[in-house]
Amino acid sequence: MDFTGTVVYKTFEGGFYGLDADSGRKFTPLNLPKSMQIVGARVKIKGTIKEDIATTKMYGEVLEIDSIELLEEGKAQNTH
C-alpha cells in the first residue's frame, strides 16, 4: 500500500511513534527509521499491512515499511 501521512508520537503503552495517513487510517510502524522519528513530519510511505502480528500499542494497523520519503520536516522531539 502507498500513502501520504504524518508521523505522530503517542505517550501511552510506554510511548511510540505512529503514522496517521491523510485518509484517516492509523498505523503502528514496525520499522520506522530513527531518522524519520520526527513528530509532525510529512512522509510518503510504501508498506505492507501485517495482519499476522499483534502489538500492545493498540493504535491502528501494524505496518511494515518498505520505503519512506520525507516530504516536509516536522519538529524533533525528545521522547525519553
PDB file of N, CA and C in Angstrom:
ATOM      1  N   MET A   1       0.828  -1.177   0.000  1.00  0.00           N
ATOM      2  CA  MET A   1       0.000   0.000   0.000  1.00  0.00           C
ATOM      3  C   MET A   1       0.873   1.241   0.000  1.00  0.00           C
ATOM      4  N   ASP A   2       0.415   2.282  -0.638  1.00  0.00           N
ATOM      5  CA  ASP A   2       1.117   3.569  -0.691  1.00  0.00           C
ATOM      6  C   ASP A   2       0.214   4.619  -0.057  1.00  0.00           C
ATOM      7  N   PHE A   3       0.812   5.511   0.736  1.00  0.00           N
ATOM      8  CA  PHE A   3       0.028   6.612   1.290  1.00  0.00           C
ATOM      9  C   PHE A   3       0.938   7.754   1.721  1.00  0.00           C
ATOM     10  N   THR A   4       0.315   8.893   1.920  1.00  0.00           N
ATOM     11  CA  THR A   4       0.982  10.073   2.455  1.00  0.00           C
ATOM     12  C   THR A   4       0.370  10.334   3.824  1.00  0.00           C
ATOM     13  N   GLY A   5       1.208  10.713   4.781  1.00  0.00           N
ATOM     14  CA  GLY A   5       0.689  10.944   6.117  1.00  0.00           C
ATOM     15  C   GLY A   5       1.666  11.710   6.987  1.00  0.00           C
ATOM     16  N   THR A   6       1.413  11.650   8.288  1.00  0.00           N
ATOM     17  CA  THR A   6       2.151  12.423   9.277  1.00  0.00           C
ATOM     18  C   THR A   6       2.662  11.505  10.380  1.00  0.00           C
ATOM     19  N   VAL A   7       3.894  11.728  10.805  1.00  0.00           N
ATOM     20  CA  VAL A   7       4.460  10.998  11.929  1.00  0.00           C
ATOM     21  C   VAL A   7       3.918  11.613  13.219  1.00  0.00           C
ATOM     22  N   VAL A   8       3.418  10.762  14.113  1.00  0.00           N
ATOM     23  CA  VAL A   8       2.897  11.215  15.408  1.00  0.00           C
ATOM     24  C   VAL A   8       3.616  10.451  16.518  1.00  0.00           C
ATOM     25  N   TYR A   9       3.550  10.995  17.735  1.00  0.00           N
ATOM     26  CA  TYR A   9       4.102  10.294  18.898  1.00  0.00           C
ATOM     27  C   TYR A   9       2.993  10.150  19.922  1.00  0.00           C
ATOM     28  N   LYS A  10       2.778   8.932  20.378  1.00  0.00           N
ATOM     29  CA  LYS A  10       1.748   8.637  21.373  1.00  0.00           C
ATOM     30  C   LYS A  10       2.428   8.263  22.677  1.00  0.00           C
ATOM     31  N   THR A  11       1.936   8.796  23.779  1.00  0.00           N
ATOM     32  CA  THR A  11       2.589   8.588  25.070  1.00  0.00           C
ATOM     33  C   THR A  11       2.092   7.357  25.816  1.00  0.00           C
ATOM     34  N   PHE A  12       0.993   6.735  25.376  1.00  0.00           N
ATOM     35  CA  PHE A  12       0.506   5.550  26.084  1.00  0.00           C
ATOM     36  C   PHE A  12       1.316   4.315  25.700  1.00  0.00           C
ATOM     37  N   GLU A  13       1.178   3.252  26.490  1.00  0.00           N
ATOM     38  CA  GLU A  13       1.912   1.994  26.285  1.00  0.00           C
ATOM     39  C   GLU A  13       3.423   2.206  26.241  1.00  0.00           C
ATOM     40  N   GLY A  14       3.934   3.121  27.049  1.00  0.00           N
ATOM     41  CA  GLY A  14       5.369   3.356  27.108  1.00  0.00           C
ATOM     42  C   GLY A  14       5.897   4.354  26.091  1.00  0.00           C
ATOM     43  N   GLY A  15       5.022   4.816  25.194  1.00  0.00           N
ATOM     44  CA  GLY A  15       5.393   5.788  24.170  1.00  0.00           C
ATOM     45  C   GLY A  15       5.878   5.108  22.904  1.00  0.00           C
ATOM     46  N   PHE A  16       5.401   5.607  21.767  1.00  0.00           N
ATOM     47  CA  PHE A  16       5.793   5.039  20.477  1.00  0.00           C
ATOM     48  C   PHE A  16       5.409   6.004  19.363  1.00  0.00           C
ATOM     49  N   TYR A  17       6.027   5.804  18.207  1.00  0.00           N
ATOM     50  CA  TYR A  17       5.702   6.577  17.018  1.00  0.00           C
ATOM     51  C   TYR A  17       4.621   5.865  16.230  1.00  0.00           C
ATOM     52  N   GLY A  18       3.719   6.634  15.681  1.00  0.00           N
ATOM     53  CA  GLY A  18       2.677   6.110  14.816  1.00  0.00           C
ATOM     54  C   GLY A  18       2.655   6.903  13.522  1.00  0.00           C
ATOM     55  N   LEU A  19       1.825   6.457  12.615  1.00  0.00           N
ATOM     56  CA  LEU A  19       1.638   7.147  11.341  1.00  0.00           C
ATOM     57  C   LEU A  19       0.154   7.378  11.136  1.00  0.00           C
ATOM     58  N   ASP A  20      -0.208   8.620  10.868  1.00  0.00           N
ATOM     59  CA  ASP A  20      -1.590   8.964  10.561  1.00  0.00           C
ATOM     60  C   ASP A  20      -1.679   9.301   9.078  1.00  0.00           C
ATOM     61  N   ALA A  21      -2.346   8.435   8.322  1.00  0.00           N
ATOM     62  CA  ALA A  21      -2.495   8.651   6.884  1.00  0.00           C
ATOM     63  C   ALA A  21      -3.481   9.774   6.618  1.00  0.00           C
ATOM     64  N   ASP A  22      -3.305  10.441   5.496  1.00  0.00           N
ATOM     65  CA  ASP A  22      -4.226  11.511   5.109  1.00  0.00           C
ATOM     66  C   ASP A  22      -5.652  10.997   4.962  1.00  0.00           C
ATOM     67  N   SER A  23      -5.804   9.707   4.691  1.00  0.00           N
ATOM     68  CA  SER A  23      -7.123   9.099   4.527  1.00  0.00           C
ATOM     69  C   SER A  23      -7.848   8.903   5.854  1.00  0.00           C
ATOM     70  N   GLY A  24      -7.114   9.080   6.968  1.00  0.00           N
ATOM     71  CA  GLY A  24      -7.698   8.878   8.286  1.00  0.00           C
ATOM     72  C   GLY A  24      -7.284   7.567   8.943  1.00  0.00           C
ATOM     73  N   ARG A  25      -6.676   6.669   8.183  1.00  0.00           N
ATOM     74  CA  ARG A  25      -6.203   5.413   8.759  1.00  0.00           C
ATOM     75  C   ARG A  25      -5.000   5.665   9.651  1.00  0.00           C
ATOM     76  N   LYS A  26      -4.860   4.824  10.658  1.00  0.00           N
ATOM     77  CA  LYS A  26      -3.755   4.945  11.602  1.00  0.00           C
ATOM     78  C   LYS A  26      -2.939   3.660  11.570  1.00  0.00           C
ATOM     79  N   PHE A  27      -1.617   3.821  11.767  1.00  0.00           N
ATOM     80  CA  PHE A  27      -0.711   2.683  11.673  1.00  0.00           C
ATOM     81  C   PHE A  27       0.319   2.702  12.793  1.00  0.00           C
ATOM     82  N   THR A  28       0.676   1.511  13.248  1.00  0.00           N
ATOM     83  CA  THR A  28       1.824   1.317  14.122  1.00  0.00           C
ATOM     84  C   THR A  28       2.927   0.739  13.250  1.00  0.00           C
ATOM     85  N   PRO A  29       3.971   1.529  12.960  1.00  0.00           N
ATOM     86  CA  PRO A  29       5.045   1.022  12.098  1.00  0.00           C
ATOM     87  C   PRO A  29       5.979   0.095  12.872  1.00  0.00           C
ATOM     88  N   LEU A  30       6.350  -1.002  12.243  1.00  0.00           N
ATOM     89  CA  LEU A  30       7.294  -1.940  12.854  1.00  0.00           C
ATOM     90  C   LEU A  30       8.726  -1.448  12.739  1.00  0.00           C
ATOM     91  N   ASN A  31       9.017  -0.684  11.704  1.00  0.00           N
ATOM     92  CA  ASN A  31      10.413  -0.366  11.396  1.00  0.00           C
ATOM     93  C   ASN A  31      10.582   1.076  10.916  1.00  0.00           C
ATOM     94  N   LEU A  32      10.031   2.023  11.670  1.00  0.00           N
ATOM     95  CA  LEU A  32      10.207   3.435  11.333  1.00  0.00           C
ATOM     96  C   LEU A  32      11.653   3.831  11.609  1.00  0.00           C
ATOM     97  N   PRO A  33      12.393   4.245  10.570  1.00  0.00           N
ATOM     98  CA  PRO A  33      13.803   4.613  10.779  1.00  0.00           C
ATOM     99  C   PRO A  33      13.947   5.751  11.791  1.00  0.00           C
ATOM    100  N   LYS A  34      14.994   5.698  12.584  1.00  0.00           N
ATOM    101  CA  LYS A  34      15.250   6.743  13.586  1.00  0.00           C
ATOM    102  C   LYS A  34      15.290   8.128  12.934  1.00  0.00           C
ATOM    103  N   SER A  35      15.808   8.196  11.722  1.00  0.00           N
ATOM    104  CA  SER A  35      15.908   9.476  11.021  1.00  0.00           C
ATOM    105  C   SER A  35      14.537  10.054  10.669  1.00  0.00           C
ATOM    106  N   MET A  36      13.496   9.235  10.737  1.00  0.00           N
ATOM    107  CA  MET A  36      12.135   9.692  10.422  1.00  0.00           C
ATOM    108  C   MET A  36      11.274   9.829  11.678  1.00  0.00           C
ATOM    109  N   GLN A  37      11.855   9.659  12.828  1.00  0.00           N
ATOM    110  CA  GLN A  37      11.112   9.785  14.080  1.00  0.00           C
ATOM    111  C   GLN A  37      11.052  11.253  14.477  1.00  0.00           C
ATOM    112  N   ILE A  38      10.301  11.999  13.674  1.00  0.00           N
ATOM    113  CA  ILE A  38      10.165  13.451  13.825  1.00  0.00           C
ATOM    114  C   ILE A  38       8.682  13.776  13.863  1.00  0.00           C
ATOM    115  N   VAL A  39       8.201  14.188  15.019  1.00  0.00           N
ATOM    116  CA  VAL A  39       6.781  14.496  15.171  1.00  0.00           C
ATOM    117  C   VAL A  39       6.372  15.585  14.182  1.00  0.00           C
ATOM    118  N   GLY A  40       5.305  15.319  13.469  1.00  0.00           N
ATOM    119  CA  GLY A  40       4.780  16.282  12.514  1.00  0.00           C
ATOM    120  C   GLY A  40       5.369  16.174  11.122  1.00  0.00           C
ATOM    121  N   ALA A  41       6.372  15.314  10.942  1.00  0.00           N
ATOM    122  CA  ALA A  41       6.971  15.149   9.616  1.00  0.00           C
ATOM    123  C   ALA A  41       5.932  14.591   8.651  1.00  0.00           C
ATOM    124  N   ARG A  42       5.891  15.154   7.463  1.00  0.00           N
ATOM    125  CA  ARG A  42       5.016  14.653   6.409  1.00  0.00           C
ATOM    126  C   ARG A  42       5.831  13.668   5.592  1.00  0.00           C
ATOM    127  N   VAL A  43       5.283  12.480   5.399  1.00  0.00           N
ATOM    128  CA  VAL A  43       6.019  11.411   4.733  1.00  0.00           C
ATOM    129  C   VAL A  43       5.164  10.720   3.673  1.00  0.00           C
ATOM    130  N   LYS A  44       5.862  10.135   2.707  1.00  0.00           N
ATOM    131  CA  LYS A  44       5.248   9.283   1.695  1.00  0.00           C
ATOM    132  C   LYS A  44       5.769   7.885   1.968  1.00  0.00           C
ATOM    133  N   ILE A  45       4.855   6.926   2.089  1.00  0.00           N
ATOM    134  CA  ILE A  45       5.229   5.587   2.534  1.00  0.00           C
ATOM    135  C   ILE A  45       4.699   4.514   1.599  1.00  0.00           C
ATOM    136  N   LYS A  46       5.528   3.508   1.410  1.00  0.00           N
ATOM    137  CA  LYS A  46       5.103   2.261   0.789  1.00  0.00           C
ATOM    138  C   LYS A  46       5.307   1.205   1.857  1.00  0.00           C
ATOM    139  N   GLY A  47       4.288   0.389   2.085  1.00  0.00           N
ATOM    140  CA  GLY A  47       4.412  -0.606   3.138  1.00  0.00           C
ATOM    141  C   GLY A  47       3.429  -1.739   2.981  1.00  0.00           C
ATOM    142  N   THR A  48       3.532  -2.671   3.906  1.00  0.00           N
ATOM    143  CA  THR A  48       2.705  -3.870   3.900  1.00  0.00           C
ATOM    144  C   THR A  48       2.006  -4.004   5.247  1.00  0.00           C
ATOM    145  N   ILE A  49       0.682  -4.148   5.230  1.00  0.00           N
ATOM    146  CA  ILE A  49      -0.079  -4.397   6.447  1.00  0.00           C
ATOM    147  C   ILE A  49       0.269  -5.800   6.924  1.00  0.00           C
ATOM    148  N   LYS A  50       0.576  -5.914   8.205  1.00  0.00           N
ATOM    149  CA  LYS A  50       0.944  -7.210   8.790  1.00  0.00           C
ATOM    150  C   LYS A  50      -0.210  -7.675   9.680  1.00  0.00           C
ATOM    151  N   GLU A  51      -1.133  -8.419   9.090  1.00  0.00           N
ATOM    152  CA  GLU A  51      -2.306  -8.879   9.819  1.00  0.00           C
ATOM    153  C   GLU A  51      -1.984 -10.010  10.787  1.00  0.00           C
ATOM    154  N   ASP A  52      -0.829 -10.653  10.628  1.00  0.00           N
ATOM    155  CA  ASP A  52      -0.463 -11.779  11.469  1.00  0.00           C
ATOM    156  C   ASP A  52       0.365 -11.369  12.684  1.00  0.00           C
ATOM    157  N   ILE A  53       0.498 -10.046  12.908  1.00  0.00           N
ATOM    158  CA  ILE A  53       1.282  -9.540  14.036  1.00  0.00           C
ATOM    159  C   ILE A  53       0.391  -8.671  14.915  1.00  0.00           C
ATOM    160  N   ALA A  54       0.443  -8.904  16.213  1.00  0.00           N
ATOM    161  CA  ALA A  54      -0.294  -8.082  17.173  1.00  0.00           C
ATOM    162  C   ALA A  54       0.712  -7.348  18.054  1.00  0.00           C
ATOM    163  N   THR A  55       0.349  -6.147  18.473  1.00  0.00           N
ATOM    164  CA  THR A  55       1.202  -5.395  19.397  1.00  0.00           C
ATOM    165  C   THR A  55       0.351  -4.954  20.579  1.00  0.00           C
ATOM    166  N   THR A  56       1.009  -4.469  21.611  1.00  0.00           N
ATOM    167  CA  THR A  56       0.294  -3.949  22.781  1.00  0.00           C
ATOM    168  C   THR A  56      -0.118  -2.497  22.580  1.00  0.00           C
ATOM    169  N   LYS A  57       0.301  -1.894  21.493  1.00  0.00           N
ATOM    170  CA  LYS A  57       0.083  -0.463  21.291  1.00  0.00           C
ATOM    171  C   LYS A  57      -1.361  -0.115  20.952  1.00  0.00           C
ATOM    172  N   MET A  58      -2.067  -1.016  20.312  1.00  0.00           N
ATOM    173  CA  MET A  58      -3.485  -0.812  20.016  1.00  0.00           C
ATOM    174  C   MET A  58      -3.729   0.520  19.301  1.00  0.00           C
ATOM    175  N   TYR A  59      -2.924   0.794  18.285  1.00  0.00           N
ATOM    176  CA  TYR A  59      -3.055   2.028  17.517  1.00  0.00           C
ATOM    177  C   TYR A  59      -3.105   1.676  16.042  1.00  0.00           C
ATOM    178  N   GLY A  60      -4.274   1.557  15.506  1.00  0.00           N
ATOM    179  CA  GLY A  60      -4.424   1.297  14.085  1.00  0.00           C
ATOM    180  C   GLY A  60      -3.885  -0.058  13.663  1.00  0.00           C
ATOM    181  N   GLU A  61      -3.454  -0.126  12.414  1.00  0.00           N
ATOM    182  CA  GLU A  61      -2.963  -1.366  11.828  1.00  0.00           C
ATOM    183  C   GLU A  61      -1.437  -1.430  11.912  1.00  0.00           C
ATOM    184  N   VAL A  62      -0.913  -2.641  12.021  1.00  0.00           N
ATOM    185  CA  VAL A  62       0.535  -2.839  12.066  1.00  0.00           C
ATOM    186  C   VAL A  62       1.072  -2.772  10.634  1.00  0.00           C
ATOM    187  N   LEU A  63       2.100  -1.948  10.446  1.00  0.00           N
ATOM    188  CA  LEU A  63       2.641  -1.701   9.112  1.00  0.00           C
ATOM    189  C   LEU A  63       4.141  -1.959   9.078  1.00  0.00           C
ATOM    190  N   GLU A  64       4.559  -2.742   8.102  1.00  0.00           N
ATOM    191  CA  GLU A  64       5.986  -2.897   7.828  1.00  0.00           C
ATOM    192  C   GLU A  64       6.327  -1.940   6.692  1.00  0.00           C
ATOM    193  N   ILE A  65       7.246  -1.016   6.932  1.00  0.00           N
ATOM    194  CA  ILE A  65       7.609  -0.004   5.944  1.00  0.00           C
ATOM    195  C   ILE A  65       8.583  -0.600   4.943  1.00  0.00           C
ATOM    196  N   ASP A  66       8.228  -0.491   3.660  1.00  0.00           N
ATOM    197  CA  ASP A  66       9.129  -0.914   2.584  1.00  0.00           C
ATOM    198  C   ASP A  66      10.003   0.252   2.136  1.00  0.00           C
ATOM    199  N   SER A  67       9.410   1.450   2.069  1.00  0.00           N
ATOM    200  CA  SER A  67      10.178   2.659   1.756  1.00  0.00           C
ATOM    201  C   SER A  67       9.455   3.855   2.352  1.00  0.00           C
ATOM    202  N   ILE A  68      10.236   4.868   2.697  1.00  0.00           N
ATOM    203  CA  ILE A  68       9.678   6.083   3.287  1.00  0.00           C
ATOM    204  C   ILE A  68      10.465   7.270   2.761  1.00  0.00           C
ATOM    205  N   GLU A  69       9.743   8.330   2.423  1.00  0.00           N
ATOM    206  CA  GLU A  69      10.361   9.543   1.883  1.00  0.00           C
ATOM    207  C   GLU A  69       9.858  10.742   2.677  1.00  0.00           C
ATOM    208  N   LEU A  70      10.772  11.583   3.123  1.00  0.00           N
ATOM    209  CA  LEU A  70      10.409  12.800   3.849  1.00  0.00           C
ATOM    210  C   LEU A  70       9.928  13.851   2.856  1.00  0.00           C
ATOM    211  N   LEU A  71       8.719  14.341   3.063  1.00  0.00           N
ATOM    212  CA  LEU A  71       8.162  15.385   2.206  1.00  0.00           C
ATOM    213  C   LEU A  71       8.291  16.762   2.847  1.00  0.00           C
ATOM    214  N   GLU A  72       8.143  16.812   4.167  1.00  0.00           N
ATOM    215  CA  GLU A  72       8.194  18.087   4.881  1.00  0.00           C
ATOM    216  C   GLU A  72       8.650  17.834   6.304  1.00  0.00           C
ATOM    217  N   GLU A  73       9.585  18.626   6.775  1.00  0.00           N
ATOM    218  CA  GLU A  73      10.123  18.486   8.133  1.00  0.00           C
ATOM    219  C   GLU A  73       9.036  18.732   9.180  1.00  0.00           C
ATOM    220  N   GLY A  74       9.136  18.013  10.246  1.00  0.00           N
ATOM    221  CA  GLY A  74       8.305  18.265  11.425  1.00  0.00           C
ATOM    222  C   GLY A  74       9.185  18.934  12.461  1.00  0.00           C
ATOM    223  N   LYS A  75       8.940  18.638  13.710  1.00  0.00           N
ATOM    224  CA  LYS A  75       9.800  19.179  14.763  1.00  0.00           C
ATOM    225  C   LYS A  75      10.398  18.024  15.547  1.00  0.00           C
ATOM    226  N   ALA A  76      11.674  18.057  15.744  1.00  0.00           N
ATOM    227  CA  ALA A  76      12.330  16.999  16.521  1.00  0.00           C
ATOM    228  C   ALA A  76      11.786  17.025  17.931  1.00  0.00           C
ATOM    229  N   GLN A  77      11.598  15.842  18.493  1.00  0.00           N
ATOM    230  CA  GLN A  77      11.052  15.751  19.840  1.00  0.00           C
ATOM    231  C   GLN A  77      11.839  14.737  20.624  1.00  0.00           C
ATOM    232  N   ASN A  78      12.310  15.153  21.780  1.00  0.00           N
ATOM    233  CA  ASN A  78      12.992  14.213  22.656  1.00  0.00           C
ATOM    234  C   ASN A  78      11.917  13.437  23.395  1.00  0.00           C
ATOM    235  N   THR A  79      11.838  12.140  23.148  1.00  0.00           N
ATOM    236  CA  THR A  79      10.766  11.333  23.723  1.00  0.00           C
ATOM    237  C   THR A  79      11.218  10.558  24.946  1.00  0.00           C
ATOM    238  N   HIS A  80      12.446  10.751  25.378  1.00  0.00           N
ATOM    239  CA  HIS A  80      12.944   9.971  26.522  1.00  0.00           C
ATOM    240  C   HIS A  80      13.273  10.866  27.669  1.00  0.00           C
TER     241      HIS A  80
END
